[in-house]
Amino acid sequence: MTVYHWFIHLSHQIGLRQPTDHRGPRIHDLRHRFAIQTLLKWYRSDLNVEVHLADLSTYLGHRSVVGTYWYISGIPELLKLATLRLEREHGGLRA
């Protein structure tokens, strides 16, 4: 059985999918969530996110941060935290 099939099987068992569901969460969705939640945790902890992006890439199995950027979604809280950090470090945004 492949990883994909194991994931489908387990997602039925733990209730992520109903027994008759043919669609539902994908492994890729979990990777996206992991990336976003990690960044949120780092911003909330006032960690230097830019320095640790390489760590996130390693966690996701990427060779560089370029591959990791595809997993980062612009959710409102993440954008707010990034903007607040930018304003604090650079004295606000200028047009």
C-alpha atoms as a PDB file:
ATOM      1  CA  MET A   1       0.000   0.000   0.000  1.00  0.00           C
ATOM      2  CA  THR A   2       1.360   3.450  -0.911  1.00  0.00           C
ATOM      3  CA  VAL A   3       1.648   6.414   1.444  1.00  0.00           C
ATOM      4  CA  TYR A   4      -1.282   7.981  -0.391  1.00  0.00           C
ATOM      5  CA  HIS A   5      -3.495   4.957   0.265  1.00  0.00           C
ATOM      6  CA  TRP A   6      -2.413   4.749   3.908  1.00  0.00           C
ATOM      7  CA  PHE A   7      -3.279   8.407   4.343  1.00  0.00           C
ATOM      8  CA  ILE A   8      -6.752   7.872   2.824  1.00  0.00           C
ATOM      9  CA  HIS A   9      -7.283   4.838   5.032  1.00  0.00           C
ATOM     10  CA  LEU A  10      -6.187   6.655   8.204  1.00  0.00           C
ATOM     11  CA  SER A  11      -8.179   9.794   7.368  1.00  0.00           C
ATOM     12  CA  HIS A  12     -11.311   7.610   7.223  1.00  0.00           C
ATOM     13  CA  GLN A  13     -10.400   5.936  10.524  1.00  0.00           C
ATOM     14  CA  ILE A  14      -9.831   9.155  12.464  1.00  0.00           C
ATOM     15  CA  GLY A  15     -12.800  10.996  11.000  1.00  0.00           C
ATOM     16  CA  LEU A  16     -11.137  13.417   8.594  1.00  0.00           C
ATOM     17  CA  ARG A  17     -13.260  11.754   5.906  1.00  0.00           C
ATOM     18  CA  GLN A  18     -16.573   9.965   6.128  1.00  0.00           C
ATOM     19  CA  PRO A  19     -16.560   6.318   4.964  1.00  0.00           C
ATOM     20  CA  THR A  20     -18.164   7.225   1.623  1.00  0.00           C
ATOM     21  CA  ASP A  21     -16.086  10.370   0.970  1.00  0.00           C
ATOM     22  CA  HIS A  22     -14.012  10.311  -2.181  1.00  0.00           C
ATOM     23  CA  ARG A  23     -12.548  13.744  -1.529  1.00  0.00           C
ATOM     24  CA  GLY A  24     -11.025  15.270   1.553  1.00  0.00           C
ATOM     25  CA  PRO A  25      -7.784  16.447   3.115  1.00  0.00           C
ATOM     26  CA  ARG A  26      -4.614  15.621   1.231  1.00  0.00           C
ATOM     27  CA  ILE A  27      -1.110  15.062   2.562  1.00  0.00           C
ATOM     28  CA  HIS A  28      -0.165  18.284   0.792  1.00  0.00           C
ATOM     29  CA  ASP A  29      -2.780  20.145   2.853  1.00  0.00           C
ATOM     30  CA  LEU A  30      -1.055  19.005   6.034  1.00  0.00           C
ATOM     31  CA  ARG A  31       2.288  20.304   4.741  1.00  0.00           C
ATOM     32  CA  HIS A  32       0.728  23.709   4.016  1.00  0.00           C
ATOM     33  CA  ARG A  33      -0.826  23.815   7.479  1.00  0.00           C
ATOM     34  CA  PHE A  34       2.459  22.813   9.103  1.00  0.00           C
ATOM     35  CA  ALA A  35       4.318  25.594   7.266  1.00  0.00           C
ATOM     36  CA  ILE A  36       1.768  28.256   8.217  1.00  0.00           C
ATOM     37  CA  GLN A  37       1.452  27.142  11.838  1.00  0.00           C
ATOM     38  CA  THR A  38       5.250  27.075  12.211  1.00  0.00           C
ATOM     39  CA  LEU A  39       5.563  30.612  10.854  1.00  0.00           C
ATOM     40  CA  LEU A  40       2.762  31.850  13.101  1.00  0.00           C
ATOM     41  CA  LYS A  41       4.443  30.278  16.122  1.00  0.00           C
ATOM     42  CA  TRP A  42       7.756  31.912  15.225  1.00  0.00           C
ATOM     43  CA  TYR A  43       6.193  35.344  14.718  1.00  0.00           C
ATOM     44  CA  ARG A  44       4.245  35.065  17.985  1.00  0.00           C
ATOM     45  CA  SER A  45       7.463  34.074  19.795  1.00  0.00           C
ATOM     46  CA  ASP A  46       9.227  37.096  18.276  1.00  0.00           C
ATOM     47  CA  LEU A  47      11.724  34.793  16.580  1.00  0.00           C
ATOM     48  CA  ASN A  48      13.663  36.137  13.606  1.00  0.00           C
ATOM     49  CA  VAL A  49      11.596  34.361  10.955  1.00  0.00           C
ATOM     50  CA  GLU A  50      13.909  35.252   8.092  1.00  0.00           C
ATOM     51  CA  VAL A  51      16.823  33.539   9.809  1.00  0.00           C
ATOM     52  CA  HIS A  52      14.766  30.398  10.455  1.00  0.00           C
ATOM     53  CA  LEU A  53      13.190  29.980   7.010  1.00  0.00           C
ATOM     54  CA  ALA A  54      15.986  27.556   6.143  1.00  0.00           C
ATOM     55  CA  ASP A  55      14.921  25.469   9.155  1.00  0.00           C
ATOM     56  CA  LEU A  56      11.363  25.322   7.844  1.00  0.00           C
ATOM     57  CA  SER A  57      12.698  24.235   4.465  1.00  0.00           C
ATOM     58  CA  THR A  58      14.632  21.445   6.145  1.00  0.00           C
ATOM     59  CA  TYR A  59      11.557  20.331   8.109  1.00  0.00           C
ATOM     60  CA  LEU A  60       9.623  20.106   4.832  1.00  0.00           C
ATOM     61  CA  GLY A  61      12.458  18.269   3.082  1.00  0.00           C
ATOM     62  CA  HIS A  62      13.386  21.057   0.682  1.00  0.00           C
ATOM     63  CA  ARG A  63      16.912  21.888  -0.415  1.00  0.00           C
ATOM     64  CA  SER A  64      16.256  25.631  -0.391  1.00  0.00           C
ATOM     65  CA  VAL A  65      13.648  28.118   0.759  1.00  0.00           C
ATOM     66  CA  VAL A  66      12.503  28.635  -2.834  1.00  0.00           C
ATOM     67  CA  GLY A  67      10.604  25.329  -2.665  1.00  0.00           C
ATOM     68  CA  THR A  68       9.151  26.280   0.696  1.00  0.00           C
ATOM     69  CA  TYR A  69       7.569  29.521  -0.498  1.00  0.00           C
ATOM     70  CA  TRP A  70       4.917  27.492  -2.354  1.00  0.00           C
ATOM     71  CA  TYR A  71       3.634  26.239   1.009  1.00  0.00           C
ATOM     72  CA  ILE A  72       3.142  29.683   2.492  1.00  0.00           C
ATOM     73  CA  SER A  73      -0.333  31.163   2.155  1.00  0.00           C
ATOM     74  CA  GLY A  74      -1.141  34.783   2.927  1.00  0.00           C
ATOM     75  CA  ILE A  75      -3.618  34.175   5.730  1.00  0.00           C
ATOM     76  CA  PRO A  76      -4.742  37.347   7.556  1.00  0.00           C
ATOM     77  CA  GLU A  77      -3.015  36.639  10.871  1.00  0.00           C
ATOM     78  CA  LEU A  78       0.305  35.813   9.225  1.00  0.00           C
ATOM     79  CA  LEU A  79       0.145  38.955   7.085  1.00  0.00           C
ATOM     80  CA  LYS A  80      -0.708  41.070  10.129  1.00  0.00           C
ATOM     81  CA  LEU A  81       2.189  39.674  12.176  1.00  0.00           C
ATOM     82  CA  ALA A  82       4.627  40.139   9.284  1.00  0.00           C
ATOM     83  CA  THR A  83       3.432  43.725   8.748  1.00  0.00           C
ATOM     84  CA  LEU A  84       3.740  44.575  12.441  1.00  0.00           C
ATOM     85  CA  ARG A  85       7.290  43.176  12.460  1.00  0.00           C
ATOM     86  CA  LEU A  86       8.192  45.172   9.355  1.00  0.00           C
ATOM     87  CA  GLU A  87       6.771  48.377  10.795  1.00  0.00           C
ATOM     88  CA  ARG A  88       8.537  47.848  14.122  1.00  0.00           C
ATOM     89  CA  GLU A  89      11.898  47.099  12.520  1.00  0.00           C
ATOM     90  CA  HIS A  90      11.796  49.714   9.778  1.00  0.00           C
ATOM     91  CA  GLY A  91       9.811  52.527  11.332  1.00  0.00           C
ATOM     92  CA  GLY A  92       6.659  51.972   9.319  1.00  0.00           C
ATOM     93  CA  LEU A  93       5.873  51.531   5.682  1.00  0.00           C
ATOM     94  CA  ARG A  94       6.585  54.312   3.214  1.00  0.00           C
ATOM     95  CA  ALA A  95       5.024  54.820  -0.193  1.00  0.00           C
END
